[in-house]
């Protein structure tokens, strides 16, 4: 029997990692998820996958642990999705964000270079690298202007991936992913904060939700769609970077309106604004041009904005209802 292709996924317990693991399994891969050693492990997003995947301990802060897993597993592909990815936290913990989100990429690239330069490497870059972009939509030629320690760290990792590709001839690519959400999004992110609040208000548990800047605009897609683009990038004959986005921009207020509408509620009755939730340096508008991904990868998003919001609201209503039934 032909040996299965092996893939290592860092950040497998996160939103993208869980969807990517599912997709790779559907493609016949043997999937290895990298986890940091800790007293408690957040298995919620991958609990249904645990019998079918391998979990290994390593840390982007520990170069030797990365070398060890590459030597042991001998993967065909490495997907580096792990990072300190919450933008507000990057302002309060900028050094940790840099260690994980920036230097962690270098450590993994160096491990690939030392152990097996034939390994194909995917780096999860971010639209936050564009920040205060001079024009919209953003393309691969748009100048970067990050406005947070997170965006700056992502930009370091992005250029380091380019450097290893050009300097060491690694098959190393970056996917510049614009905002992508799902029912598995962390509750601290504004989209899940909104849909979770809508569920609790709908079920009579809360009276209101407090948010920050409603005017910021983002290009929101479905995470389950976006991980397919990651995989497609590593199947190409030559390594190239791509933007992954819907090409549509919506404000936070648009998201709020749509979420409350899905629950049959009027949002203005329940939303309060608190300046404490504003960023120190705001990114006003992000919108990605994914024409290259459509043309070369034959990729396009399948879930539209309204479908995404409804998916998240319905999942949160079901989840909170289930918690109420159990309690």
C-alpha atoms as a PDB file:
ATOM      1  CA  UNK A   1       0.000   0.000   0.000  1.00  0.00           C
ATOM      2  CA  UNK A   2       1.265   3.447  -0.885  1.00  0.00           C
ATOM      3  CA  UNK A   3       2.478   5.438   2.121  1.00  0.00           C
ATOM      4  CA  UNK A   4       0.253   8.321   3.144  1.00  0.00           C
ATOM      5  CA  UNK A   5       1.572  11.840   2.765  1.00  0.00           C
ATOM      6  CA  UNK A   6       2.465  13.320   6.142  1.00  0.00           C
ATOM      7  CA  UNK A   7       1.704  16.885   7.172  1.00  0.00           C
ATOM      8  CA  UNK A   8       2.612  18.802  10.317  1.00  0.00           C
ATOM      9  CA  UNK A   9       0.198  21.512  11.451  1.00  0.00           C
ATOM     10  CA  UNK A  10       1.234  23.990  14.128  1.00  0.00           C
ATOM     11  CA  UNK A  11      -1.669  25.672  15.875  1.00  0.00           C
ATOM     12  CA  UNK A  12      -3.878  22.635  15.279  1.00  0.00           C
ATOM     13  CA  UNK A  13      -6.097  23.442  18.274  1.00  0.00           C
ATOM     14  CA  UNK A  14      -7.049  26.799  16.753  1.00  0.00           C
ATOM     15  CA  UNK A  15      -9.823  27.616  14.311  1.00  0.00           C
ATOM     16  CA  UNK A  16      -7.732  27.249  11.142  1.00  0.00           C
ATOM     17  CA  UNK A  17      -5.790  24.270  12.438  1.00  0.00           C
ATOM     18  CA  UNK A  18      -8.939  22.277  13.119  1.00  0.00           C
ATOM     19  CA  UNK A  19     -10.452  22.975   9.688  1.00  0.00           C
ATOM     20  CA  UNK A  20      -7.135  22.284   7.941  1.00  0.00           C
ATOM     21  CA  UNK A  21      -6.727  18.983   9.801  1.00  0.00           C
ATOM     22  CA  UNK A  22     -10.206  17.917   8.683  1.00  0.00           C
ATOM     23  CA  UNK A  23      -9.438  18.828   5.091  1.00  0.00           C
ATOM     24  CA  UNK A  24      -6.048  17.086   5.042  1.00  0.00           C
ATOM     25  CA  UNK A  25      -7.619  13.927   6.451  1.00  0.00           C
ATOM     26  CA  UNK A  26     -10.202  14.060   3.646  1.00  0.00           C
ATOM     27  CA  UNK A  27      -7.284  14.180   1.192  1.00  0.00           C
ATOM     28  CA  UNK A  28      -5.742  11.039   2.685  1.00  0.00           C
ATOM     29  CA  UNK A  29      -2.966  12.651   4.734  1.00  0.00           C
ATOM     30  CA  UNK A  30      -1.456  11.435   7.963  1.00  0.00           C
ATOM     31  CA  UNK A  31      -1.820  14.547  10.135  1.00  0.00           C
ATOM     32  CA  UNK A  32       0.476  15.531  12.997  1.00  0.00           C
ATOM     33  CA  UNK A  33      -0.662  18.404  15.188  1.00  0.00           C
ATOM     34  CA  UNK A  34       1.905  20.358  17.184  1.00  0.00           C
ATOM     35  CA  UNK A  35       0.945  21.362  20.712  1.00  0.00           C
ATOM     36  CA  UNK A  36       2.817  23.239  23.404  1.00  0.00           C
ATOM     37  CA  UNK A  37       3.208  21.499  26.746  1.00  0.00           C
ATOM     38  CA  UNK A  38       0.760  22.941  29.275  1.00  0.00           C
ATOM     39  CA  UNK A  39      -1.227  21.806  32.298  1.00  0.00           C
ATOM     40  CA  UNK A  40      -4.492  22.017  30.356  1.00  0.00           C
ATOM     41  CA  UNK A  41      -5.029  21.459  26.645  1.00  0.00           C
ATOM     42  CA  UNK A  42      -7.813  23.132  24.631  1.00  0.00           C
ATOM     43  CA  UNK A  43      -9.144  20.148  22.679  1.00  0.00           C
ATOM     44  CA  UNK A  44     -12.610  21.593  22.023  1.00  0.00           C
ATOM     45  CA  UNK A  45     -12.087  22.282  18.303  1.00  0.00           C
ATOM     46  CA  UNK A  46     -10.309  19.005  17.526  1.00  0.00           C
ATOM     47  CA  UNK A  47     -11.950  16.580  19.951  1.00  0.00           C
ATOM     48  CA  UNK A  48     -13.774  14.824  17.101  1.00  0.00           C
ATOM     49  CA  UNK A  49     -10.454  14.409  15.245  1.00  0.00           C
ATOM     50  CA  UNK A  50      -8.276  13.029  18.043  1.00  0.00           C
ATOM     51  CA  UNK A  51      -8.730   9.351  17.089  1.00  0.00           C
ATOM     52  CA  UNK A  52      -7.586  10.178  13.529  1.00  0.00           C
ATOM     53  CA  UNK A  53      -4.646  12.546  14.117  1.00  0.00           C
ATOM     54  CA  UNK A  54      -1.328  12.410  15.944  1.00  0.00           C
ATOM     55  CA  UNK A  55      -0.550  15.059  18.575  1.00  0.00           C
ATOM     56  CA  UNK A  56       3.104  15.844  19.220  1.00  0.00           C
ATOM     57  CA  UNK A  57       4.737  18.211  21.675  1.00  0.00           C
ATOM     58  CA  UNK A  58       6.919  21.014  20.376  1.00  0.00           C
ATOM     59  CA  UNK A  59       7.139  24.784  20.732  1.00  0.00           C
ATOM     60  CA  UNK A  60       7.923  27.607  18.310  1.00  0.00           C
ATOM     61  CA  UNK A  61      10.053  29.087  21.092  1.00  0.00           C
ATOM     62  CA  UNK A  62      12.247  25.957  21.159  1.00  0.00           C
ATOM     63  CA  UNK A  63      14.364  25.394  18.049  1.00  0.00           C
ATOM     64  CA  UNK A  64      15.501  21.916  19.061  1.00  0.00           C
ATOM     65  CA  UNK A  65      11.946  20.667  19.562  1.00  0.00           C
ATOM     66  CA  UNK A  66      11.106  21.673  15.981  1.00  0.00           C
ATOM     67  CA  UNK A  67      14.174  19.928  14.600  1.00  0.00           C
ATOM     68  CA  UNK A  68      13.270  16.819  16.595  1.00  0.00           C
ATOM     69  CA  UNK A  69       9.724  16.507  15.241  1.00  0.00           C
ATOM     70  CA  UNK A  70      10.853  17.065  11.643  1.00  0.00           C
ATOM     71  CA  UNK A  71      13.488  14.346  11.971  1.00  0.00           C
ATOM     72  CA  UNK A  72      11.040  11.953  13.627  1.00  0.00           C
ATOM     73  CA  UNK A  73       7.958  12.497  11.472  1.00  0.00           C
ATOM     74  CA  UNK A  74       9.606  13.220   8.100  1.00  0.00           C
ATOM     75  CA  UNK A  75       6.664  15.235   6.756  1.00  0.00           C
ATOM     76  CA  UNK A  76       6.035  16.221   3.150  1.00  0.00           C
ATOM     77  CA  UNK A  77       4.369  19.484   4.204  1.00  0.00           C
ATOM     78  CA  UNK A  78       4.484  21.858   7.188  1.00  0.00           C
ATOM     79  CA  UNK A  79       1.683  24.352   7.814  1.00  0.00           C
ATOM     80  CA  UNK A  80       2.718  27.031  10.295  1.00  0.00           C
ATOM     81  CA  UNK A  81      -0.549  28.393  11.697  1.00  0.00           C
ATOM     82  CA  UNK A  82       0.549  28.931  15.301  1.00  0.00           C
ATOM     83  CA  UNK A  83       0.893  32.482  16.581  1.00  0.00           C
ATOM     84  CA  UNK A  84      -0.210  34.924  19.232  1.00  0.00           C
ATOM     85  CA  UNK A  85      -3.026  36.030  16.981  1.00  0.00           C
ATOM     86  CA  UNK A  86      -5.238  38.340  19.057  1.00  0.00           C
ATOM     87  CA  UNK A  87      -4.431  41.900  17.985  1.00  0.00           C
ATOM     88  CA  UNK A  88      -5.394  43.658  21.281  1.00  0.00           C
ATOM     89  CA  UNK A  89      -3.163  41.256  23.243  1.00  0.00           C
ATOM     90  CA  UNK A  90      -0.247  42.119  20.955  1.00  0.00           C
ATOM     91  CA  UNK A  91      -0.348  45.679  22.340  1.00  0.00           C
ATOM     92  CA  UNK A  92      -0.132  44.462  25.949  1.00  0.00           C
ATOM     93  CA  UNK A  93       2.292  41.578  25.220  1.00  0.00           C
ATOM     94  CA  UNK A  94       4.396  42.805  22.272  1.00  0.00           C
ATOM     95  CA  UNK A  95       7.542  40.867  23.179  1.00  0.00           C
ATOM     96  CA  UNK A  96       5.744  37.508  23.446  1.00  0.00           C
ATOM     97  CA  UNK A  97       3.929  38.276  20.191  1.00  0.00           C
ATOM     98  CA  UNK A  98       7.274  38.889  18.502  1.00  0.00           C
ATOM     99  CA  UNK A  99       8.848  35.735  19.930  1.00  0.00           C
ATOM    100  CA  UNK A 100       6.030  33.458  18.720  1.00  0.00           C
ATOM    101  CA  UNK A 101       4.542  35.184  15.685  1.00  0.00           C
ATOM    102  CA  UNK A 102       7.798  36.505  14.191  1.00  0.00           C
ATOM    103  CA  UNK A 103      10.816  34.550  15.446  1.00  0.00           C
ATOM    104  CA  UNK A 104       8.801  31.331  15.660  1.00  0.00           C
ATOM    105  CA  UNK A 105       8.521  31.388  11.865  1.00  0.00           C
ATOM    106  CA  UNK A 106      12.305  31.702  11.551  1.00  0.00           C
ATOM    107  CA  UNK A 107      12.862  28.791  13.899  1.00  0.00           C
ATOM    108  CA  UNK A 108      10.564  26.553  11.869  1.00  0.00           C
ATOM    109  CA  UNK A 109      12.078  27.631   8.539  1.00  0.00           C
ATOM    110  CA  UNK A 110      15.575  27.020   9.892  1.00  0.00           C
ATOM    111  CA  UNK A 111      14.513  23.582  11.125  1.00  0.00           C
ATOM    112  CA  UNK A 112      13.199  22.745   7.643  1.00  0.00           C
ATOM    113  CA  UNK A 113      16.424  23.981   6.048  1.00  0.00           C
ATOM    114  CA  UNK A 114      18.581  21.907   8.390  1.00  0.00           C
ATOM    115  CA  UNK A 115      16.534  18.688   8.436  1.00  0.00           C
ATOM    116  CA  UNK A 116      15.066  18.384   4.926  1.00  0.00           C
ATOM    117  CA  UNK A 117      14.980  21.300   2.443  1.00  0.00           C
ATOM    118  CA  UNK A 118      12.516  19.320   0.296  1.00  0.00           C
ATOM    119  CA  UNK A 119       9.727  19.844   2.868  1.00  0.00           C
ATOM    120  CA  UNK A 120       7.053  22.213   1.579  1.00  0.00           C
ATOM    121  CA  UNK A 121       6.331  25.050   4.002  1.00  0.00           C
ATOM    122  CA  UNK A 122       3.216  27.204   4.369  1.00  0.00           C
ATOM    123  CA  UNK A 123       3.263  30.400   6.419  1.00  0.00           C
ATOM    124  CA  UNK A 124       0.018  31.959   7.637  1.00  0.00           C
ATOM    125  CA  UNK A 125       0.469  35.624   6.792  1.00  0.00           C
ATOM    126  CA  UNK A 126      -2.200  38.196   7.602  1.00  0.00           C
ATOM    127  CA  UNK A 127      -4.065  41.118   6.091  1.00  0.00           C
ATOM    128  CA  UNK A 128      -3.060  43.019   9.256  1.00  0.00           C
ATOM    129  CA  UNK A 129       0.309  43.494   7.543  1.00  0.00           C
ATOM    130  CA  UNK A 130      -1.381  46.049   5.270  1.00  0.00           C
ATOM    131  CA  UNK A 131      -2.712  48.107   8.168  1.00  0.00           C
ATOM    132  CA  UNK A 132      -3.010  51.707   7.014  1.00  0.00           C
ATOM    133  CA  UNK A 133      -3.096  50.716   3.347  1.00  0.00           C
ATOM    134  CA  UNK A 134      -2.971  53.632   0.873  1.00  0.00           C
ATOM    135  CA  UNK A 135      -5.551  52.034  -1.409  1.00  0.00           C
ATOM    136  CA  UNK A 136      -8.262  49.375  -1.499  1.00  0.00           C
ATOM    137  CA  UNK A 137      -8.590  46.586  -2.386  1.00  0.00           C
ATOM    138  CA  UNK A 138      -5.146  45.437  -1.305  1.00  0.00           C
ATOM    139  CA  UNK A 139      -3.062  43.432  -3.777  1.00  0.00           C
ATOM    140  CA  UNK A 140       0.308  41.703  -3.610  1.00  0.00           C
ATOM    141  CA  UNK A 141       1.817  45.012  -4.758  1.00  0.00           C
ATOM    142  CA  UNK A 142       0.183  47.161  -2.077  1.00  0.00           C
ATOM    143  CA  UNK A 143       2.771  48.576   0.374  1.00  0.00           C
ATOM    144  CA  UNK A 144       2.632  47.110   3.874  1.00  0.00           C
ATOM    145  CA  UNK A 145       1.912  49.467   6.788  1.00  0.00           C
ATOM    146  CA  UNK A 146       1.119  47.364   9.901  1.00  0.00           C
ATOM    147  CA  UNK A 147      -0.559  49.156  12.813  1.00  0.00           C
ATOM    148  CA  UNK A 148      -0.102  46.661  15.647  1.00  0.00           C
ATOM    149  CA  UNK A 149       2.670  44.514  17.135  1.00  0.00           C
ATOM    150  CA  UNK A 150       0.779  41.531  15.702  1.00  0.00           C
ATOM    151  CA  UNK A 151       0.822  42.964  12.181  1.00  0.00           C
ATOM    152  CA  UNK A 152       4.495  43.849  12.508  1.00  0.00           C
ATOM    153  CA  UNK A 153       5.358  40.343  13.734  1.00  0.00           C
ATOM    154  CA  UNK A 154       3.386  38.789  10.885  1.00  0.00           C
ATOM    155  CA  UNK A 155       5.261  40.980   8.408  1.00  0.00           C
ATOM    156  CA  UNK A 156       8.598  39.763   9.796  1.00  0.00           C
ATOM    157  CA  UNK A 157       7.477  36.153   9.354  1.00  0.00           C
ATOM    158  CA  UNK A 158       6.214  36.911   5.853  1.00  0.00           C
ATOM    159  CA  UNK A 159       9.483  38.422   4.648  1.00  0.00           C
ATOM    160  CA  UNK A 160      11.504  35.686   6.364  1.00  0.00           C
ATOM    161  CA  UNK A 161       9.509  33.127   4.361  1.00  0.00           C
ATOM    162  CA  UNK A 162      10.346  35.026   1.163  1.00  0.00           C
ATOM    163  CA  UNK A 163      13.993  35.174   2.233  1.00  0.00           C
ATOM    164  CA  UNK A 164      14.264  31.413   2.813  1.00  0.00           C
ATOM    165  CA  UNK A 165      12.537  30.749  -0.515  1.00  0.00           C
ATOM    166  CA  UNK A 166      14.898  32.986  -2.429  1.00  0.00           C
ATOM    167  CA  UNK A 167      18.044  32.438  -0.365  1.00  0.00           C
ATOM    168  CA  UNK A 168      17.842  28.692   0.265  1.00  0.00           C
ATOM    169  CA  UNK A 169      15.474  27.619  -2.542  1.00  0.00           C
ATOM    170  CA  UNK A 170      12.934  26.171  -0.118  1.00  0.00           C
ATOM    171  CA  UNK A 171       9.394  25.546  -1.295  1.00  0.00           C
ATOM    172  CA  UNK A 172       8.121  28.170   1.142  1.00  0.00           C
ATOM    173  CA  UNK A 173       4.943  30.174   0.554  1.00  0.00           C
ATOM    174  CA  UNK A 174       2.840  32.734   2.403  1.00  0.00           C
ATOM    175  CA  UNK A 175      -0.918  32.946   2.231  1.00  0.00           C
ATOM    176  CA  UNK A 176      -2.004  36.481   3.051  1.00  0.00           C
ATOM    177  CA  UNK A 177      -5.371  35.611   4.532  1.00  0.00           C
ATOM    178  CA  UNK A 178      -7.913  38.312   5.159  1.00  0.00           C
ATOM    179  CA  UNK A 179     -10.299  37.940   8.099  1.00  0.00           C
ATOM    180  CA  UNK A 180     -11.870  34.511   8.180  1.00  0.00           C
ATOM    181  CA  UNK A 181     -14.387  33.415  10.753  1.00  0.00           C
ATOM    182  CA  UNK A 182     -16.468  30.414  11.796  1.00  0.00           C
ATOM    183  CA  UNK A 183     -18.323  28.929  14.765  1.00  0.00           C
ATOM    184  CA  UNK A 184     -14.854  27.828  15.937  1.00  0.00           C
ATOM    185  CA  UNK A 185     -13.500  31.387  16.125  1.00  0.00           C
ATOM    186  CA  UNK A 186     -12.165  32.334  19.553  1.00  0.00           C
ATOM    187  CA  UNK A 187     -14.740  34.048  21.750  1.00  0.00           C
ATOM    188  CA  UNK A 188     -12.358  37.000  22.234  1.00  0.00           C
ATOM    189  CA  UNK A 189     -12.595  37.991  18.555  1.00  0.00           C
ATOM    190  CA  UNK A 190     -15.233  40.590  17.727  1.00  0.00           C
ATOM    191  CA  UNK A 191     -17.222  38.380  15.347  1.00  0.00           C
ATOM    192  CA  UNK A 192     -17.664  35.589  17.893  1.00  0.00           C
ATOM    193  CA  UNK A 193     -18.192  38.127  20.656  1.00  0.00           C
ATOM    194  CA  UNK A 194     -21.114  39.438  18.614  1.00  0.00           C
ATOM    195  CA  UNK A 195     -22.676  36.091  17.703  1.00  0.00           C
ATOM    196  CA  UNK A 196     -22.240  34.701  21.214  1.00  0.00           C
ATOM    197  CA  UNK A 197     -23.913  37.828  22.627  1.00  0.00           C
ATOM    198  CA  UNK A 198     -26.768  37.564  20.126  1.00  0.00           C
ATOM    199  CA  UNK A 199     -27.376  33.981  21.251  1.00  0.00           C
ATOM    200  CA  UNK A 200     -27.392  34.938  24.937  1.00  0.00           C
ATOM    201  CA  UNK A 201     -29.667  37.935  24.342  1.00  0.00           C
ATOM    202  CA  UNK A 202     -32.021  35.830  22.219  1.00  0.00           C
ATOM    203  CA  UNK A 203     -32.257  33.228  24.982  1.00  0.00           C
ATOM    204  CA  UNK A 204     -32.872  35.837  27.677  1.00  0.00           C
ATOM    205  CA  UNK A 205     -29.526  35.502  29.441  1.00  0.00           C
ATOM    206  CA  UNK A 206     -28.116  38.953  28.625  1.00  0.00           C
ATOM    207  CA  UNK A 207     -29.616  42.406  28.185  1.00  0.00           C
ATOM    208  CA  UNK A 208     -26.833  43.966  26.100  1.00  0.00           C
ATOM    209  CA  UNK A 209     -23.343  43.664  24.588  1.00  0.00           C
ATOM    210  CA  UNK A 210     -20.553  46.258  24.714  1.00  0.00           C
ATOM    211  CA  UNK A 211     -18.430  46.809  21.602  1.00  0.00           C
ATOM    212  CA  UNK A 212     -15.808  49.240  20.323  1.00  0.00           C
ATOM    213  CA  UNK A 213     -15.385  50.781  16.884  1.00  0.00           C
ATOM    214  CA  UNK A 214     -18.351  49.836  14.685  1.00  0.00           C
ATOM    215  CA  UNK A 215     -16.980  51.670  11.651  1.00  0.00           C
ATOM    216  CA  UNK A 216     -13.901  49.494  10.990  1.00  0.00           C
ATOM    217  CA  UNK A 217     -14.324  47.528   7.773  1.00  0.00           C
ATOM    218  CA  UNK A 218     -13.035  44.016   7.115  1.00  0.00           C
ATOM    219  CA  UNK A 219     -13.087  41.426   4.358  1.00  0.00           C
ATOM    220  CA  UNK A 220     -14.745  38.475   6.121  1.00  0.00           C
ATOM    221  CA  UNK A 221     -14.809  34.917   4.762  1.00  0.00           C
ATOM    222  CA  UNK A 222     -15.348  31.392   6.077  1.00  0.00           C
ATOM    223  CA  UNK A 223     -12.313  29.668   7.584  1.00  0.00           C
ATOM    224  CA  UNK A 224     -13.371  26.293   6.176  1.00  0.00           C
ATOM    225  CA  UNK A 225     -13.016  27.743   2.663  1.00  0.00           C
ATOM    226  CA  UNK A 226      -9.673  29.392   3.332  1.00  0.00           C
ATOM    227  CA  UNK A 227      -7.778  26.302   4.510  1.00  0.00           C
ATOM    228  CA  UNK A 228      -8.353  24.732   1.091  1.00  0.00           C
ATOM    229  CA  UNK A 229      -6.358  27.586  -0.435  1.00  0.00           C
ATOM    230  CA  UNK A 230      -3.482  26.821   1.957  1.00  0.00           C
ATOM    231  CA  UNK A 231      -3.326  23.262   0.692  1.00  0.00           C
ATOM    232  CA  UNK A 232      -3.591  24.292  -2.952  1.00  0.00           C
ATOM    233  CA  UNK A 233      -0.558  26.555  -2.548  1.00  0.00           C
ATOM    234  CA  UNK A 234       1.618  23.616  -1.542  1.00  0.00           C
ATOM    235  CA  UNK A 235       0.516  21.539  -4.541  1.00  0.00           C
ATOM    236  CA  UNK A 236       1.911  23.974  -7.127  1.00  0.00           C
ATOM    237  CA  UNK A 237       5.004  23.292  -9.222  1.00  0.00           C
ATOM    238  CA  UNK A 238       6.716  26.443  -7.970  1.00  0.00           C
ATOM    239  CA  UNK A 239       6.249  28.378  -4.710  1.00  0.00           C
ATOM    240  CA  UNK A 240       4.270  31.617  -4.895  1.00  0.00           C
ATOM    241  CA  UNK A 241       2.483  33.877  -2.418  1.00  0.00           C
ATOM    242  CA  UNK A 242      -1.259  34.513  -2.636  1.00  0.00           C
ATOM    243  CA  UNK A 243      -3.949  36.719  -1.156  1.00  0.00           C
ATOM    244  CA  UNK A 244      -6.974  34.780   0.098  1.00  0.00           C
ATOM    245  CA  UNK A 245     -10.057  36.970   0.463  1.00  0.00           C
ATOM    246  CA  UNK A 246     -13.630  37.511  -0.692  1.00  0.00           C
ATOM    247  CA  UNK A 247     -13.051  40.939  -2.257  1.00  0.00           C
ATOM    248  CA  UNK A 248     -15.973  42.397  -0.266  1.00  0.00           C
ATOM    249  CA  UNK A 249     -15.643  44.734   2.710  1.00  0.00           C
ATOM    250  CA  UNK A 250     -18.216  45.075   5.500  1.00  0.00           C
ATOM    251  CA  UNK A 251     -18.181  47.193   8.647  1.00  0.00           C
ATOM    252  CA  UNK A 252     -18.451  45.831  12.156  1.00  0.00           C
ATOM    253  CA  UNK A 253     -21.835  47.544  12.237  1.00  0.00           C
ATOM    254  CA  UNK A 254     -22.872  45.530   9.158  1.00  0.00           C
ATOM    255  CA  UNK A 255     -21.871  42.347  10.997  1.00  0.00           C
ATOM    256  CA  UNK A 256     -23.825  43.412  14.084  1.00  0.00           C
ATOM    257  CA  UNK A 257     -26.955  44.259  12.083  1.00  0.00           C
ATOM    258  CA  UNK A 258     -26.862  40.954  10.199  1.00  0.00           C
ATOM    259  CA  UNK A 259     -26.237  38.898  13.350  1.00  0.00           C
ATOM    260  CA  UNK A 260     -29.162  40.415  15.260  1.00  0.00           C
ATOM    261  CA  UNK A 261     -31.348  40.136  12.158  1.00  0.00           C
ATOM    262  CA  UNK A 262     -30.642  36.401  12.030  1.00  0.00           C
ATOM    263  CA  UNK A 263     -32.062  36.146  15.538  1.00  0.00           C
ATOM    264  CA  UNK A 264     -35.051  38.374  14.751  1.00  0.00           C
ATOM    265  CA  UNK A 265     -33.774  41.212  16.965  1.00  0.00           C
ATOM    266  CA  UNK A 266     -33.157  44.937  16.481  1.00  0.00           C
ATOM    267  CA  UNK A 267     -29.491  45.572  17.229  1.00  0.00           C
ATOM    268  CA  UNK A 268     -29.809  49.191  18.430  1.00  0.00           C
ATOM    269  CA  UNK A 269     -31.744  48.049  21.494  1.00  0.00           C
ATOM    270  CA  UNK A 270     -28.880  45.907  22.746  1.00  0.00           C
ATOM    271  CA  UNK A 271     -25.510  47.349  21.618  1.00  0.00           C
ATOM    272  CA  UNK A 272     -23.488  49.732  23.779  1.00  0.00           C
ATOM    273  CA  UNK A 273     -20.207  51.401  22.761  1.00  0.00           C
ATOM    274  CA  UNK A 274     -17.176  51.671  25.044  1.00  0.00           C
ATOM    275  CA  UNK A 275     -14.002  53.496  23.873  1.00  0.00           C
ATOM    276  CA  UNK A 276     -11.918  51.056  25.926  1.00  0.00           C
ATOM    277  CA  UNK A 277     -12.452  48.532  23.137  1.00  0.00           C
ATOM    278  CA  UNK A 278     -10.885  50.804  20.510  1.00  0.00           C
ATOM    279  CA  UNK A 279      -7.373  49.898  19.339  1.00  0.00           C
ATOM    280  CA  UNK A 280      -4.473  52.274  20.121  1.00  0.00           C
ATOM    281  CA  UNK A 281      -3.831  52.441  16.352  1.00  0.00           C
ATOM    282  CA  UNK A 282      -6.876  51.534  14.287  1.00  0.00           C
ATOM    283  CA  UNK A 283      -6.918  49.748  10.940  1.00  0.00           C
ATOM    284  CA  UNK A 284      -9.877  51.285   9.153  1.00  0.00           C
ATOM    285  CA  UNK A 285     -10.475  49.259   5.973  1.00  0.00           C
ATOM    286  CA  UNK A 286      -9.181  45.924   4.728  1.00  0.00           C
ATOM    287  CA  UNK A 287     -10.341  44.351   1.480  1.00  0.00           C
ATOM    288  CA  UNK A 288      -8.358  41.779  -0.471  1.00  0.00           C
ATOM    289  CA  UNK A 289      -7.929  41.173  -4.179  1.00  0.00           C
ATOM    290  CA  UNK A 290      -7.765  37.386  -4.574  1.00  0.00           C
ATOM    291  CA  UNK A 291      -7.714  37.401  -8.394  1.00  0.00           C
ATOM    292  CA  UNK A 292      -4.412  35.520  -8.480  1.00  0.00           C
ATOM    293  CA  UNK A 293      -5.772  32.758  -6.225  1.00  0.00           C
ATOM    294  CA  UNK A 294      -8.861  32.448  -8.415  1.00  0.00           C
ATOM    295  CA  UNK A 295      -6.751  32.245 -11.567  1.00  0.00           C
ATOM    296  CA  UNK A 296      -3.874  29.984 -10.509  1.00  0.00           C
ATOM    297  CA  UNK A 297      -5.263  28.003  -7.561  1.00  0.00           C
ATOM    298  CA  UNK A 298      -8.779  27.769  -9.022  1.00  0.00           C
ATOM    299  CA  UNK A 299      -9.954  28.798  -5.566  1.00  0.00           C
ATOM    300  CA  UNK A 300     -12.947  30.902  -4.628  1.00  0.00           C
ATOM    301  CA  UNK A 301     -14.960  31.348  -1.422  1.00  0.00           C
ATOM    302  CA  UNK A 302     -18.107  29.248  -1.191  1.00  0.00           C
ATOM    303  CA  UNK A 303     -19.750  30.915   1.825  1.00  0.00           C
ATOM    304  CA  UNK A 304     -20.813  34.566   1.425  1.00  0.00           C
ATOM    305  CA  UNK A 305     -21.015  37.223   4.136  1.00  0.00           C
ATOM    306  CA  UNK A 306     -24.674  36.686   5.082  1.00  0.00           C
ATOM    307  CA  UNK A 307     -24.226  32.917   5.025  1.00  0.00           C
ATOM    308  CA  UNK A 308     -21.185  33.194   7.306  1.00  0.00           C
ATOM    309  CA  UNK A 309     -22.989  35.366   9.871  1.00  0.00           C
ATOM    310  CA  UNK A 310     -26.032  33.076   9.887  1.00  0.00           C
ATOM    311  CA  UNK A 311     -23.801  30.007  10.283  1.00  0.00           C
ATOM    312  CA  UNK A 312     -22.139  31.545  13.334  1.00  0.00           C
ATOM    313  CA  UNK A 313     -25.320  32.860  14.955  1.00  0.00           C
ATOM    314  CA  UNK A 314     -27.180  29.561  14.565  1.00  0.00           C
ATOM    315  CA  UNK A 315     -24.211  27.606  15.928  1.00  0.00           C
ATOM    316  CA  UNK A 316     -23.964  29.862  18.980  1.00  0.00           C
ATOM    317  CA  UNK A 317     -27.707  29.707  19.670  1.00  0.00           C
ATOM    318  CA  UNK A 318     -27.507  25.908  19.499  1.00  0.00           C
ATOM    319  CA  UNK A 319     -24.423  25.839  21.738  1.00  0.00           C
ATOM    320  CA  UNK A 320     -25.882  28.135  24.422  1.00  0.00           C
ATOM    321  CA  UNK A 321     -29.229  26.290  24.292  1.00  0.00           C
ATOM    322  CA  UNK A 322     -27.388  23.016  24.828  1.00  0.00           C
ATOM    323  CA  UNK A 323     -25.557  24.476  27.828  1.00  0.00           C
ATOM    324  CA  UNK A 324     -28.875  25.599  29.290  1.00  0.00           C
ATOM    325  CA  UNK A 325     -30.367  22.134  28.850  1.00  0.00           C
ATOM    326  CA  UNK A 326     -27.397  20.515  30.573  1.00  0.00           C
ATOM    327  CA  UNK A 327     -27.483  22.951  33.481  1.00  0.00           C
END
